[in-house]
Amino acid sequence: MASRKMNARYYFTVEGETEKWYLEWLRDAINADPRAKVKVVCSPKVQKNPLKWAKANTNLDKNAKVFHVFDFEDEEPVHTKAFRDTLESMKKAGQLGRGFKYVNAYSNLTFELWMVLHKATCPPLMQRKQYLGRINDLYGEHFEGLHEYKTESNFKRVLGKLTVDDVMAAVERAETLARRAKESCFRRESHCGYQYYLDNPVTELWVPVKQMLTESGLLDS
């Protein structure tokens, strides 16, 4: 009988601290779940430039799972350029000859969409600040602004209201959004080999999260 793989290692670079805290929480929640059969290993790094991170990490496994978690905020030229510059950086990182490819784990509009999906579905929104009302309602909070919500103590209190089963529900809702985006003919762009939607709501963060849940044994493959 083949021996069971004991560890599943993932690499994440993220735009901000909230994404980092979330992935650390997710790792620990999976590993603490008595249903998990394989330990998830990851240490997410706050690094907006994937190429810079890749150059500094020369000892990656040849087939390492590497994801960049970031936002498509809107179609303003400055934000569009920043998004496309990030995709270019991801492509260059994958061309270093290390045997890995960066995977796009973006959210449109923002990471807050992913947090909403743990509790409910989400309609299209015009501005990122509109997520705050949904988060307040769904998590029983009264944050007056996104800055307050994103402080470490407040965000980690929100995380304390989540379970692994909530994460599974978020994955299912995000997959449904992806199907609807395709069926509803959301506007789609491609840059440096990466495809993404201009319309929201949509997120690709469910892809690595589902892989983590599956590889740990918490979801059927």
N, C-alpha and C. Protein backbone atom coordinates (compact mmCIF):
# COMPACT_ATOMS: atom_id res chain seq x y z
N MET A 1 0.85 -1.20 0.00
CA MET A 1 0.00 0.00 0.00
C MET A 1 0.88 1.24 0.00
N ALA A 2 0.59 2.18 -0.89
CA ALA A 2 1.43 3.38 -1.00
C ALA A 2 1.32 4.22 0.27
N SER A 3 2.44 4.81 0.68
CA SER A 3 2.45 5.64 1.88
C SER A 3 1.69 6.94 1.61
N ARG A 4 1.02 7.44 2.65
CA ARG A 4 0.24 8.67 2.51
C ARG A 4 1.14 9.89 2.57
N LYS A 5 0.92 10.83 1.71
CA LYS A 5 1.67 12.08 1.75
C LYS A 5 1.32 12.82 3.02
N MET A 6 2.34 13.25 3.77
CA MET A 6 2.11 13.85 5.08
C MET A 6 1.93 15.36 5.03
N ASN A 7 2.55 16.01 4.06
CA ASN A 7 2.48 17.46 3.98
C ASN A 7 2.07 17.91 2.58
N ALA A 8 1.29 18.97 2.51
CA ALA A 8 0.93 19.61 1.25
C ALA A 8 1.40 21.05 1.34
N ARG A 9 2.41 21.40 0.58
CA ARG A 9 3.03 22.72 0.70
C ARG A 9 2.51 23.68 -0.38
N TYR A 10 2.20 24.88 0.06
CA TYR A 10 1.72 25.94 -0.83
C TYR A 10 2.52 27.21 -0.59
N TYR A 11 2.67 27.99 -1.66
CA TYR A 11 3.33 29.29 -1.56
C TYR A 11 2.36 30.37 -2.01
N PHE A 12 2.24 31.40 -1.19
CA PHE A 12 1.37 32.52 -1.52
C PHE A 12 2.12 33.83 -1.36
N THR A 13 1.96 34.71 -2.34
CA THR A 13 2.31 36.11 -2.15
C THR A 13 0.99 36.88 -2.19
N VAL A 14 0.91 37.91 -1.37
CA VAL A 14 -0.35 38.62 -1.21
C VAL A 14 -0.10 40.11 -1.20
N GLU A 15 -1.15 40.88 -1.49
CA GLU A 15 -1.04 42.34 -1.55
C GLU A 15 -1.00 42.99 -0.18
N GLY A 16 -1.73 42.42 0.78
CA GLY A 16 -1.85 43.11 2.06
C GLY A 16 -1.91 42.16 3.24
N GLU A 17 -1.97 42.76 4.43
CA GLU A 17 -1.94 41.99 5.67
C GLU A 17 -3.20 41.15 5.85
N THR A 18 -4.37 41.66 5.45
CA THR A 18 -5.59 40.89 5.68
C THR A 18 -5.55 39.56 4.93
N GLU A 19 -5.05 39.57 3.71
CA GLU A 19 -4.91 38.32 2.95
C GLU A 19 -3.96 37.36 3.65
N LYS A 20 -2.87 37.90 4.18
CA LYS A 20 -1.89 37.08 4.91
C LYS A 20 -2.52 36.46 6.15
N TRP A 21 -3.21 37.29 6.95
CA TRP A 21 -3.84 36.77 8.16
C TRP A 21 -4.88 35.72 7.84
N TYR A 22 -5.62 35.94 6.74
CA TYR A 22 -6.64 34.96 6.37
C TYR A 22 -6.00 33.62 6.02
N LEU A 23 -4.98 33.62 5.21
CA LEU A 23 -4.36 32.36 4.79
C LEU A 23 -3.68 31.66 5.96
N GLU A 24 -3.13 32.40 6.88
CA GLU A 24 -2.56 31.79 8.09
C GLU A 24 -3.67 31.15 8.92
N TRP A 25 -4.80 31.87 9.06
CA TRP A 25 -5.94 31.30 9.77
C TRP A 25 -6.43 30.03 9.08
N LEU A 26 -6.56 30.07 7.76
CA LEU A 26 -7.04 28.92 7.00
C LEU A 26 -6.13 27.72 7.19
N ARG A 27 -4.84 27.94 7.08
CA ARG A 27 -3.86 26.85 7.31
C ARG A 27 -4.07 26.21 8.68
N ASP A 28 -4.15 27.05 9.70
CA ASP A 28 -4.29 26.53 11.06
C ASP A 28 -5.63 25.86 11.28
N ALA A 29 -6.69 26.41 10.66
CA ALA A 29 -8.02 25.82 10.82
C ALA A 29 -8.08 24.44 10.16
N ILE A 30 -7.49 24.32 8.98
CA ILE A 30 -7.46 23.02 8.30
C ILE A 30 -6.69 22.01 9.13
N ASN A 31 -5.52 22.42 9.60
CA ASN A 31 -4.67 21.48 10.33
C ASN A 31 -5.26 21.07 11.67
N ALA A 32 -6.10 21.93 12.25
CA ALA A 32 -6.74 21.61 13.53
C ALA A 32 -8.00 20.79 13.37
N ASP A 33 -8.49 20.67 12.16
CA ASP A 33 -9.73 19.93 11.92
C ASP A 33 -9.47 18.43 12.03
N PRO A 34 -10.18 17.73 12.88
CA PRO A 34 -9.94 16.28 13.04
C PRO A 34 -10.22 15.47 11.78
N ARG A 35 -10.91 16.06 10.83
CA ARG A 35 -11.19 15.35 9.58
C ARG A 35 -10.01 15.39 8.61
N ALA A 36 -9.04 16.27 8.85
CA ALA A 36 -7.90 16.43 7.94
C ALA A 36 -6.95 15.25 8.05
N LYS A 37 -6.51 14.77 6.91
CA LYS A 37 -5.60 13.62 6.86
C LYS A 37 -4.18 14.03 6.46
N VAL A 38 -4.03 15.21 5.89
CA VAL A 38 -2.73 15.71 5.43
C VAL A 38 -2.55 17.12 5.96
N LYS A 39 -1.36 17.43 6.41
CA LYS A 39 -1.06 18.75 6.96
C LYS A 39 -0.76 19.74 5.84
N VAL A 40 -1.39 20.91 5.92
CA VAL A 40 -1.13 21.99 4.97
C VAL A 40 0.01 22.85 5.51
N VAL A 41 0.98 23.13 4.66
CA VAL A 41 2.13 23.95 5.03
C VAL A 41 2.16 25.17 4.12
N CYS A 42 2.12 26.36 4.70
CA CYS A 42 2.28 27.57 3.91
C CYS A 42 2.61 28.74 4.83
N SER A 43 3.40 29.67 4.31
CA SER A 43 3.76 30.89 5.03
C SER A 43 3.58 32.06 4.07
N PRO A 44 2.37 32.57 3.94
CA PRO A 44 2.10 33.64 2.98
C PRO A 44 2.94 34.88 3.25
N LYS A 45 3.40 35.50 2.17
CA LYS A 45 4.26 36.68 2.28
C LYS A 45 3.57 37.90 1.65
N VAL A 46 3.64 39.01 2.34
CA VAL A 46 3.15 40.26 1.76
C VAL A 46 4.20 40.76 0.78
N GLN A 47 3.89 40.69 -0.50
CA GLN A 47 4.83 41.09 -1.55
C GLN A 47 4.01 41.35 -2.81
N LYS A 48 3.93 42.61 -3.19
CA LYS A 48 3.13 42.98 -4.36
C LYS A 48 3.80 42.61 -5.67
N ASN A 49 5.10 42.37 -5.64
CA ASN A 49 5.85 42.06 -6.85
C ASN A 49 6.24 40.59 -6.87
N PRO A 50 5.49 39.74 -7.58
CA PRO A 50 5.80 38.31 -7.62
C PRO A 50 7.21 38.00 -8.11
N LEU A 51 7.71 38.78 -9.06
CA LEU A 51 9.04 38.52 -9.60
C LEU A 51 10.10 38.74 -8.52
N LYS A 52 9.95 39.77 -7.74
CA LYS A 52 10.90 40.05 -6.66
C LYS A 52 10.92 38.90 -5.66
N TRP A 53 9.75 38.38 -5.33
CA TRP A 53 9.67 37.25 -4.40
C TRP A 53 10.33 36.01 -4.99
N ALA A 54 10.04 35.73 -6.26
CA ALA A 54 10.58 34.54 -6.90
C ALA A 54 12.10 34.57 -6.98
N LYS A 55 12.66 35.74 -7.25
CA LYS A 55 14.12 35.86 -7.33
C LYS A 55 14.78 35.61 -5.98
N ALA A 56 14.07 35.91 -4.91
CA ALA A 56 14.63 35.75 -3.58
C ALA A 56 14.45 34.34 -3.03
N ASN A 57 13.62 33.54 -3.69
CA ASN A 57 13.36 32.18 -3.22
C ASN A 57 13.87 31.18 -4.26
N THR A 58 15.09 30.78 -4.08
CA THR A 58 15.76 29.95 -5.09
C THR A 58 15.65 28.45 -4.81
N ASN A 59 15.08 28.06 -3.70
CA ASN A 59 15.03 26.65 -3.34
C ASN A 59 13.63 26.06 -3.39
N LEU A 60 12.79 26.58 -4.27
CA LEU A 60 11.43 26.06 -4.39
C LEU A 60 11.43 24.68 -5.01
N ASP A 61 10.47 23.86 -4.60
CA ASP A 61 10.28 22.58 -5.27
C ASP A 61 9.97 22.82 -6.74
N LYS A 62 10.41 21.89 -7.59
CA LYS A 62 10.24 22.07 -9.03
C LYS A 62 8.79 22.28 -9.40
N ASN A 63 7.89 21.54 -8.77
CA ASN A 63 6.46 21.64 -9.09
C ASN A 63 5.68 22.36 -7.99
N ALA A 64 6.32 23.36 -7.40
CA ALA A 64 5.69 24.09 -6.30
C ALA A 64 4.39 24.75 -6.74
N LYS A 65 3.44 24.81 -5.82
CA LYS A 65 2.17 25.50 -6.06
C LYS A 65 2.35 26.94 -5.59
N VAL A 66 2.37 27.88 -6.51
CA VAL A 66 2.64 29.28 -6.18
C VAL A 66 1.48 30.14 -6.68
N PHE A 67 0.88 30.91 -5.77
CA PHE A 67 -0.29 31.71 -6.08
C PHE A 67 -0.07 33.16 -5.66
N HIS A 68 -0.61 34.08 -6.46
CA HIS A 68 -0.57 35.49 -6.08
C HIS A 68 -1.99 35.97 -5.84
N VAL A 69 -2.24 36.49 -4.62
CA VAL A 69 -3.56 36.95 -4.21
C VAL A 69 -3.59 38.47 -4.29
N PHE A 70 -4.41 39.00 -5.20
CA PHE A 70 -4.46 40.44 -5.40
C PHE A 70 -5.81 40.85 -5.97
N ASP A 71 -5.98 42.16 -6.19
CA ASP A 71 -7.29 42.69 -6.55
C ASP A 71 -7.32 43.30 -7.94
N PHE A 72 -8.47 43.15 -8.60
CA PHE A 72 -8.81 43.97 -9.76
C PHE A 72 -9.80 45.00 -9.25
N GLU A 73 -9.34 46.21 -8.95
CA GLU A 73 -10.17 47.17 -8.22
C GLU A 73 -11.23 47.84 -9.10
N ASP A 74 -10.84 48.26 -10.29
CA ASP A 74 -11.78 48.89 -11.22
C ASP A 74 -11.05 49.10 -12.54
N GLU A 75 -11.72 49.77 -13.48
CA GLU A 75 -11.14 49.97 -14.81
C GLU A 75 -10.49 51.34 -14.98
N GLU A 76 -10.25 52.02 -13.88
CA GLU A 76 -9.48 53.26 -13.96
C GLU A 76 -8.10 52.94 -14.52
N PRO A 77 -7.56 53.79 -15.42
CA PRO A 77 -6.28 53.48 -16.06
C PRO A 77 -5.16 53.14 -15.07
N VAL A 78 -5.07 53.86 -13.96
CA VAL A 78 -3.99 53.60 -13.02
C VAL A 78 -4.12 52.21 -12.39
N HIS A 79 -5.36 51.78 -12.12
CA HIS A 79 -5.56 50.46 -11.52
C HIS A 79 -5.41 49.35 -12.57
N THR A 80 -5.87 49.62 -13.78
CA THR A 80 -5.70 48.65 -14.86
C THR A 80 -4.22 48.39 -15.14
N LYS A 81 -3.44 49.45 -15.18
CA LYS A 81 -2.00 49.32 -15.42
C LYS A 81 -1.34 48.53 -14.29
N ALA A 82 -1.71 48.82 -13.05
CA ALA A 82 -1.12 48.11 -11.92
C ALA A 82 -1.45 46.63 -11.98
N PHE A 83 -2.68 46.30 -12.35
CA PHE A 83 -3.10 44.91 -12.45
C PHE A 83 -2.32 44.18 -13.54
N ARG A 84 -2.21 44.81 -14.69
CA ARG A 84 -1.51 44.19 -15.81
C ARG A 84 0.00 44.10 -15.53
N ASP A 85 0.54 45.08 -14.84
CA ASP A 85 1.95 45.01 -14.45
C ASP A 85 2.21 43.82 -13.53
N THR A 86 1.25 43.54 -12.65
CA THR A 86 1.38 42.38 -11.76
C THR A 86 1.36 41.09 -12.56
N LEU A 87 0.48 40.99 -13.54
CA LEU A 87 0.44 39.80 -14.39
C LEU A 87 1.75 39.62 -15.14
N GLU A 88 2.34 40.71 -15.61
CA GLU A 88 3.63 40.63 -16.28
C GLU A 88 4.71 40.12 -15.33
N SER A 89 4.67 40.60 -14.08
CA SER A 89 5.62 40.15 -13.08
C SER A 89 5.46 38.66 -12.79
N MET A 90 4.23 38.19 -12.76
CA MET A 90 3.97 36.76 -12.54
C MET A 90 4.52 35.92 -13.67
N LYS A 91 4.33 36.40 -14.89
CA LYS A 91 4.85 35.66 -16.04
C LYS A 91 6.37 35.58 -16.00
N LYS A 92 7.01 36.71 -15.71
CA LYS A 92 8.48 36.74 -15.64
C LYS A 92 9.00 35.83 -14.54
N ALA A 93 8.26 35.77 -13.44
CA ALA A 93 8.66 34.88 -12.35
C ALA A 93 8.65 33.42 -12.79
N GLY A 94 7.66 33.08 -13.62
CA GLY A 94 7.56 31.72 -14.12
C GLY A 94 8.57 31.39 -15.20
N GLN A 95 9.27 32.41 -15.70
CA GLN A 95 10.28 32.21 -16.75
C GLN A 95 11.70 32.15 -16.20
N LEU A 96 11.83 32.07 -14.90
CA LEU A 96 13.16 32.04 -14.28
C LEU A 96 13.84 30.68 -14.39
N GLY A 97 13.08 29.69 -14.89
CA GLY A 97 13.68 28.38 -15.06
C GLY A 97 13.64 27.53 -13.81
N ARG A 98 12.75 27.88 -12.88
CA ARG A 98 12.68 27.14 -11.62
C ARG A 98 11.67 26.00 -11.67
N GLY A 99 10.93 25.90 -12.75
CA GLY A 99 10.00 24.80 -12.90
C GLY A 99 8.61 25.04 -12.35
N PHE A 100 8.32 26.28 -11.95
CA PHE A 100 6.99 26.57 -11.44
C PHE A 100 6.36 27.71 -12.23
N LYS A 101 5.05 27.80 -12.14
CA LYS A 101 4.31 28.89 -12.77
C LYS A 101 3.42 29.55 -11.72
N TYR A 102 3.43 30.86 -11.71
CA TYR A 102 2.55 31.59 -10.82
C TYR A 102 1.10 31.43 -11.27
N VAL A 103 0.21 31.21 -10.32
CA VAL A 103 -1.21 31.08 -10.61
C VAL A 103 -1.94 32.33 -10.13
N ASN A 104 -2.83 32.82 -10.96
CA ASN A 104 -3.59 34.03 -10.70
C ASN A 104 -4.73 33.75 -9.73
N ALA A 105 -4.69 34.36 -8.53
CA ALA A 105 -5.75 34.18 -7.55
C ALA A 105 -6.37 35.54 -7.22
N TYR A 106 -6.78 36.26 -8.27
CA TYR A 106 -7.29 37.61 -8.11
C TYR A 106 -8.76 37.61 -7.68
N SER A 107 -9.20 38.76 -7.18
CA SER A 107 -10.61 38.99 -6.87
C SER A 107 -11.06 40.29 -7.52
N ASN A 108 -12.27 40.28 -8.04
CA ASN A 108 -12.87 41.46 -8.66
C ASN A 108 -14.22 41.70 -7.98
N LEU A 109 -14.38 42.71 -7.14
CA LEU A 109 -13.50 43.86 -7.03
C LEU A 109 -12.30 43.59 -6.12
N THR A 110 -12.52 43.12 -4.90
CA THR A 110 -11.44 43.02 -3.93
C THR A 110 -11.55 41.76 -3.09
N PHE A 111 -10.54 41.55 -2.24
CA PHE A 111 -10.51 40.42 -1.33
C PHE A 111 -11.73 40.37 -0.42
N GLU A 112 -12.33 41.54 -0.16
CA GLU A 112 -13.52 41.57 0.69
C GLU A 112 -14.66 40.73 0.09
N LEU A 113 -14.69 40.60 -1.22
CA LEU A 113 -15.67 39.72 -1.85
C LEU A 113 -15.53 38.31 -1.30
N TRP A 114 -14.30 37.83 -1.21
CA TRP A 114 -14.04 36.48 -0.71
C TRP A 114 -14.55 36.33 0.73
N MET A 115 -14.35 37.36 1.54
CA MET A 115 -14.83 37.30 2.92
C MET A 115 -16.35 37.24 2.98
N VAL A 116 -17.01 37.99 2.11
CA VAL A 116 -18.48 37.95 2.06
C VAL A 116 -18.97 36.55 1.69
N LEU A 117 -18.30 35.90 0.75
CA LEU A 117 -18.76 34.62 0.23
C LEU A 117 -18.75 33.50 1.28
N HIS A 118 -18.06 33.70 2.39
CA HIS A 118 -18.11 32.69 3.46
C HIS A 118 -19.49 32.61 4.09
N LYS A 119 -20.25 33.70 3.97
CA LYS A 119 -21.55 33.77 4.65
C LYS A 119 -22.73 33.88 3.69
N ALA A 120 -22.50 34.42 2.49
CA ALA A 120 -23.62 34.66 1.57
C ALA A 120 -23.07 34.93 0.18
N THR A 121 -23.95 34.91 -0.79
CA THR A 121 -23.56 35.32 -2.14
C THR A 121 -23.48 36.84 -2.18
N CYS A 122 -23.02 37.38 -3.32
CA CYS A 122 -22.81 38.82 -3.40
C CYS A 122 -23.21 39.33 -4.78
N PRO A 123 -23.96 40.42 -4.85
CA PRO A 123 -24.35 41.00 -6.14
C PRO A 123 -23.21 41.84 -6.70
N PRO A 124 -23.30 42.27 -7.94
CA PRO A 124 -22.31 43.20 -8.49
C PRO A 124 -22.29 44.50 -7.69
N LEU A 125 -21.11 45.06 -7.50
CA LEU A 125 -20.96 46.31 -6.75
C LEU A 125 -20.19 47.32 -7.59
N MET A 126 -20.38 48.58 -7.26
CA MET A 126 -19.71 49.65 -8.00
C MET A 126 -18.40 50.08 -7.35
N GLN A 127 -18.34 50.02 -6.01
CA GLN A 127 -17.17 50.49 -5.29
C GLN A 127 -16.81 49.51 -4.18
N ARG A 128 -15.52 49.43 -3.86
CA ARG A 128 -15.06 48.47 -2.86
C ARG A 128 -15.64 48.76 -1.48
N LYS A 129 -15.91 50.03 -1.19
CA LYS A 129 -16.42 50.36 0.14
C LYS A 129 -17.81 49.79 0.38
N GLN A 130 -18.50 49.39 -0.68
CA GLN A 130 -19.83 48.81 -0.52
C GLN A 130 -19.78 47.43 0.13
N TYR A 131 -18.62 46.79 0.11
CA TYR A 131 -18.49 45.49 0.78
C TYR A 131 -18.64 45.63 2.29
N LEU A 132 -18.31 46.80 2.82
CA LEU A 132 -18.29 46.97 4.27
C LEU A 132 -19.66 46.73 4.88
N GLY A 133 -20.71 47.22 4.24
CA GLY A 133 -22.06 47.00 4.76
C GLY A 133 -22.41 45.53 4.82
N ARG A 134 -22.02 44.80 3.77
CA ARG A 134 -22.27 43.35 3.75
C ARG A 134 -21.51 42.66 4.86
N ILE A 135 -20.25 43.04 5.06
CA ILE A 135 -19.44 42.42 6.10
C ILE A 135 -20.01 42.72 7.48
N ASN A 136 -20.42 43.96 7.71
CA ASN A 136 -21.02 44.31 8.99
C ASN A 136 -22.27 43.47 9.26
N ASP A 137 -23.13 43.35 8.28
CA ASP A 137 -24.37 42.59 8.44
C ASP A 137 -24.09 41.11 8.67
N LEU A 138 -23.21 40.54 7.88
CA LEU A 138 -22.98 39.10 7.91
C LEU A 138 -22.18 38.65 9.11
N TYR A 139 -21.30 39.52 9.61
CA TYR A 139 -20.44 39.15 10.73
C TYR A 139 -20.85 39.82 12.05
N GLY A 140 -21.97 40.55 12.04
CA GLY A 140 -22.44 41.17 13.25
C GLY A 140 -21.52 42.25 13.78
N GLU A 141 -20.95 43.04 12.87
CA GLU A 141 -20.01 44.09 13.25
C GLU A 141 -20.58 45.47 12.93
N HIS A 142 -19.86 46.51 13.33
CA HIS A 142 -20.31 47.89 13.10
C HIS A 142 -19.12 48.76 12.70
N PHE A 143 -18.28 48.26 11.80
CA PHE A 143 -17.12 49.02 11.36
C PHE A 143 -17.58 50.25 10.58
N GLU A 144 -16.94 51.38 10.86
CA GLU A 144 -17.31 52.62 10.18
C GLU A 144 -16.56 52.82 8.87
N GLY A 145 -15.49 52.07 8.68
CA GLY A 145 -14.73 52.18 7.43
C GLY A 145 -13.87 50.95 7.23
N LEU A 146 -13.40 50.76 6.00
CA LEU A 146 -12.57 49.60 5.69
C LEU A 146 -11.27 49.61 6.49
N HIS A 147 -10.73 50.80 6.76
CA HIS A 147 -9.49 50.87 7.53
C HIS A 147 -9.69 50.27 8.92
N GLU A 148 -10.82 50.58 9.54
CA GLU A 148 -11.10 50.02 10.86
C GLU A 148 -11.26 48.50 10.78
N TYR A 149 -11.96 48.03 9.79
CA TYR A 149 -12.14 46.59 9.58
C TYR A 149 -10.82 45.87 9.38
N LYS A 150 -9.86 46.52 8.74
CA LYS A 150 -8.60 45.88 8.39
C LYS A 150 -7.53 45.94 9.47
N THR A 151 -7.82 46.57 10.60
CA THR A 151 -6.84 46.52 11.68
C THR A 151 -6.73 45.08 12.17
N GLU A 152 -5.57 44.71 12.68
CA GLU A 152 -5.31 43.31 13.01
C GLU A 152 -6.31 42.75 14.01
N SER A 153 -6.56 43.46 15.08
CA SER A 153 -7.47 42.92 16.10
C SER A 153 -8.88 42.75 15.57
N ASN A 154 -9.35 43.72 14.79
CA ASN A 154 -10.71 43.62 14.25
C ASN A 154 -10.83 42.52 13.21
N PHE A 155 -9.85 42.44 12.30
CA PHE A 155 -9.94 41.43 11.25
C PHE A 155 -9.84 40.03 11.84
N LYS A 156 -8.98 39.86 12.82
CA LYS A 156 -8.84 38.53 13.42
C LYS A 156 -10.07 38.16 14.24
N ARG A 157 -10.78 39.17 14.76
CA ARG A 157 -12.05 38.87 15.42
C ARG A 157 -13.06 38.34 14.40
N VAL A 158 -13.06 38.93 13.20
CA VAL A 158 -13.92 38.44 12.13
C VAL A 158 -13.55 37.01 11.77
N LEU A 159 -12.26 36.75 11.66
CA LEU A 159 -11.83 35.39 11.33
C LEU A 159 -12.28 34.38 12.38
N GLY A 160 -12.35 34.84 13.64
CA GLY A 160 -12.78 33.96 14.72
C GLY A 160 -14.23 33.53 14.59
N LYS A 161 -14.98 34.16 13.70
CA LYS A 161 -16.37 33.81 13.48
C LYS A 161 -16.55 32.85 12.31
N LEU A 162 -15.43 32.38 11.76
CA LEU A 162 -15.46 31.47 10.61
C LEU A 162 -15.12 30.05 11.02
N THR A 163 -15.59 29.11 10.23
CA THR A 163 -15.26 27.70 10.39
C THR A 163 -14.78 27.15 9.05
N VAL A 164 -14.21 25.97 9.07
CA VAL A 164 -13.80 25.31 7.83
C VAL A 164 -15.02 25.08 6.94
N ASP A 165 -16.15 24.78 7.53
CA ASP A 165 -17.37 24.58 6.74
C ASP A 165 -17.78 25.87 6.03
N ASP A 166 -17.55 27.03 6.67
CA ASP A 166 -17.79 28.30 5.99
C ASP A 166 -16.89 28.45 4.77
N VAL A 167 -15.65 28.00 4.90
CA VAL A 167 -14.71 28.06 3.77
C VAL A 167 -15.21 27.19 2.62
N MET A 168 -15.68 26.02 2.95
CA MET A 168 -16.23 25.14 1.91
C MET A 168 -17.41 25.82 1.21
N ALA A 169 -18.24 26.52 1.98
CA ALA A 169 -19.37 27.24 1.38
C ALA A 169 -18.89 28.36 0.49
N ALA A 170 -17.81 29.05 0.89
CA ALA A 170 -17.25 30.13 0.07
C ALA A 170 -16.74 29.59 -1.26
N VAL A 171 -16.09 28.44 -1.22
CA VAL A 171 -15.60 27.81 -2.44
C VAL A 171 -16.77 27.50 -3.38
N GLU A 172 -17.82 26.94 -2.83
CA GLU A 172 -18.99 26.59 -3.65
C GLU A 172 -19.62 27.84 -4.25
N ARG A 173 -19.75 28.90 -3.47
CA ARG A 173 -20.35 30.14 -3.99
C ARG A 173 -19.46 30.78 -5.05
N ALA A 174 -18.14 30.73 -4.84
CA ALA A 174 -17.22 31.32 -5.81
C ALA A 174 -17.24 30.53 -7.12
N GLU A 175 -17.35 29.22 -7.04
CA GLU A 175 -17.47 28.41 -8.25
C GLU A 175 -18.76 28.75 -9.00
N THR A 176 -19.83 28.98 -8.27
CA THR A 176 -21.09 29.38 -8.89
C THR A 176 -20.94 30.71 -9.59
N LEU A 177 -20.25 31.67 -8.96
CA LEU A 177 -20.01 32.96 -9.59
C LEU A 177 -19.21 32.79 -10.88
N ALA A 178 -18.22 31.89 -10.86
CA ALA A 178 -17.40 31.66 -12.05
C ALA A 178 -18.24 31.12 -13.20
N ARG A 179 -19.15 30.20 -12.88
CA ARG A 179 -20.03 29.67 -13.93
C ARG A 179 -20.96 30.75 -14.47
N ARG A 180 -21.49 31.57 -13.57
CA ARG A 180 -22.39 32.64 -14.00
C ARG A 180 -21.67 33.67 -14.85
N ALA A 181 -20.42 33.95 -14.50
CA ALA A 181 -19.63 34.90 -15.28
C ALA A 181 -19.49 34.43 -16.72
N LYS A 182 -19.26 33.13 -16.86
CA LYS A 182 -19.11 32.55 -18.20
C LYS A 182 -20.44 32.53 -18.93
N GLU A 183 -21.49 32.09 -18.24
CA GLU A 183 -22.81 31.99 -18.87
C GLU A 183 -23.39 33.36 -19.20
N SER A 184 -23.07 34.36 -18.39
CA SER A 184 -23.61 35.71 -18.60
C SER A 184 -22.73 36.55 -19.51
N CYS A 185 -21.69 35.93 -20.04
CA CYS A 185 -20.79 36.60 -20.98
C CYS A 185 -20.16 37.86 -20.37
N PHE A 186 -19.65 37.71 -19.14
CA PHE A 186 -18.88 38.80 -18.55
C PHE A 186 -17.74 39.15 -19.50
N ARG A 187 -17.40 40.42 -19.54
CA ARG A 187 -16.27 40.85 -20.38
C ARG A 187 -14.97 40.23 -19.86
N ARG A 188 -14.23 39.63 -20.77
CA ARG A 188 -13.03 38.89 -20.39
C ARG A 188 -11.82 39.42 -21.15
N GLU A 189 -10.72 39.55 -20.43
CA GLU A 189 -9.48 40.02 -21.01
C GLU A 189 -8.39 38.96 -20.80
N SER A 190 -7.33 39.10 -21.57
CA SER A 190 -6.17 38.21 -21.42
C SER A 190 -4.91 39.04 -21.49
N HIS A 191 -3.96 38.75 -20.61
CA HIS A 191 -2.69 39.47 -20.60
C HIS A 191 -1.61 38.55 -20.07
N CYS A 192 -0.54 38.42 -20.84
CA CYS A 192 0.61 37.59 -20.45
C CYS A 192 0.20 36.14 -20.16
N GLY A 193 -0.82 35.68 -20.87
CA GLY A 193 -1.25 34.29 -20.69
C GLY A 193 -2.25 34.09 -19.57
N TYR A 194 -2.60 35.16 -18.87
CA TYR A 194 -3.57 35.08 -17.79
C TYR A 194 -4.89 35.71 -18.22
N GLN A 195 -5.97 35.03 -17.93
CA GLN A 195 -7.29 35.56 -18.26
C GLN A 195 -7.97 36.09 -17.00
N TYR A 196 -8.79 37.13 -17.18
CA TYR A 196 -9.49 37.71 -16.04
C TYR A 196 -10.73 38.44 -16.54
N TYR A 197 -11.69 38.62 -15.63
CA TYR A 197 -12.93 39.29 -15.98
C TYR A 197 -12.88 40.76 -15.57
N LEU A 198 -13.46 41.60 -16.42
CA LEU A 198 -13.58 43.02 -16.11
C LEU A 198 -14.82 43.31 -15.26
N ASP A 199 -15.80 42.42 -15.32
CA ASP A 199 -17.03 42.59 -14.55
C ASP A 199 -16.95 41.81 -13.24
N ASN A 200 -17.69 42.28 -12.25
CA ASN A 200 -17.74 41.58 -10.97
C ASN A 200 -19.18 41.16 -10.67
N PRO A 201 -19.37 40.21 -9.74
CA PRO A 201 -18.39 39.65 -8.82
C PRO A 201 -17.76 38.36 -9.36
N VAL A 202 -16.47 38.23 -9.16
CA VAL A 202 -15.77 37.01 -9.51
C VAL A 202 -14.45 36.97 -8.75
N THR A 203 -14.04 35.78 -8.37
CA THR A 203 -12.75 35.61 -7.70
C THR A 203 -12.18 34.25 -8.05
N GLU A 204 -10.86 34.20 -8.18
CA GLU A 204 -10.18 32.94 -8.44
C GLU A 204 -9.51 32.39 -7.19
N LEU A 205 -9.73 33.04 -6.05
CA LEU A 205 -9.10 32.58 -4.82
C LEU A 205 -9.62 31.20 -4.41
N TRP A 206 -10.80 30.85 -4.88
CA TRP A 206 -11.34 29.54 -4.55
C TRP A 206 -10.47 28.41 -5.09
N VAL A 207 -9.70 28.67 -6.14
CA VAL A 207 -8.91 27.61 -6.76
C VAL A 207 -7.86 27.05 -5.80
N PRO A 208 -6.95 27.88 -5.25
CA PRO A 208 -6.00 27.32 -4.29
C PRO A 208 -6.65 26.86 -3.00
N VAL A 209 -7.70 27.57 -2.57
CA VAL A 209 -8.36 27.16 -1.33
C VAL A 209 -8.99 25.78 -1.49
N LYS A 210 -9.62 25.54 -2.62
CA LYS A 210 -10.21 24.22 -2.86
C LYS A 210 -9.12 23.16 -2.93
N GLN A 211 -7.98 23.48 -3.54
CA GLN A 211 -6.88 22.53 -3.59
C GLN A 211 -6.40 22.18 -2.18
N MET A 212 -6.30 23.19 -1.31
CA MET A 212 -5.86 22.95 0.07
C MET A 212 -6.85 22.05 0.80
N LEU A 213 -8.14 22.33 0.64
CA LEU A 213 -9.16 21.52 1.30
C LEU A 213 -9.17 20.09 0.76
N THR A 214 -8.99 19.96 -0.54
CA THR A 214 -9.00 18.64 -1.17
C THR A 214 -7.77 17.82 -0.76
N GLU A 215 -6.61 18.46 -0.86
CA GLU A 215 -5.38 17.73 -0.57
C GLU A 215 -5.26 17.36 0.91
N SER A 216 -5.91 18.14 1.75
CA SER A 216 -5.89 17.82 3.18
C SER A 216 -6.87 16.70 3.53
N GLY A 217 -7.75 16.39 2.59
CA GLY A 217 -8.72 15.32 2.81
C GLY A 217 -10.07 15.82 3.28
N LEU A 218 -10.27 17.12 3.34
CA LEU A 218 -11.53 17.68 3.82
C LEU A 218 -12.59 17.78 2.73
N LEU A 219 -12.18 17.76 1.48
CA LEU A 219 -13.11 17.75 0.35
C LEU A 219 -12.78 16.55 -0.54
N ASP A 220 -13.79 15.97 -1.12
CA ASP A 220 -13.56 14.90 -2.08
C ASP A 220 -12.96 15.47 -3.36
N SER A 221 -12.00 14.76 -3.94
CA SER A 221 -11.36 15.24 -5.18
C SER A 221 -12.28 15.01 -6.36
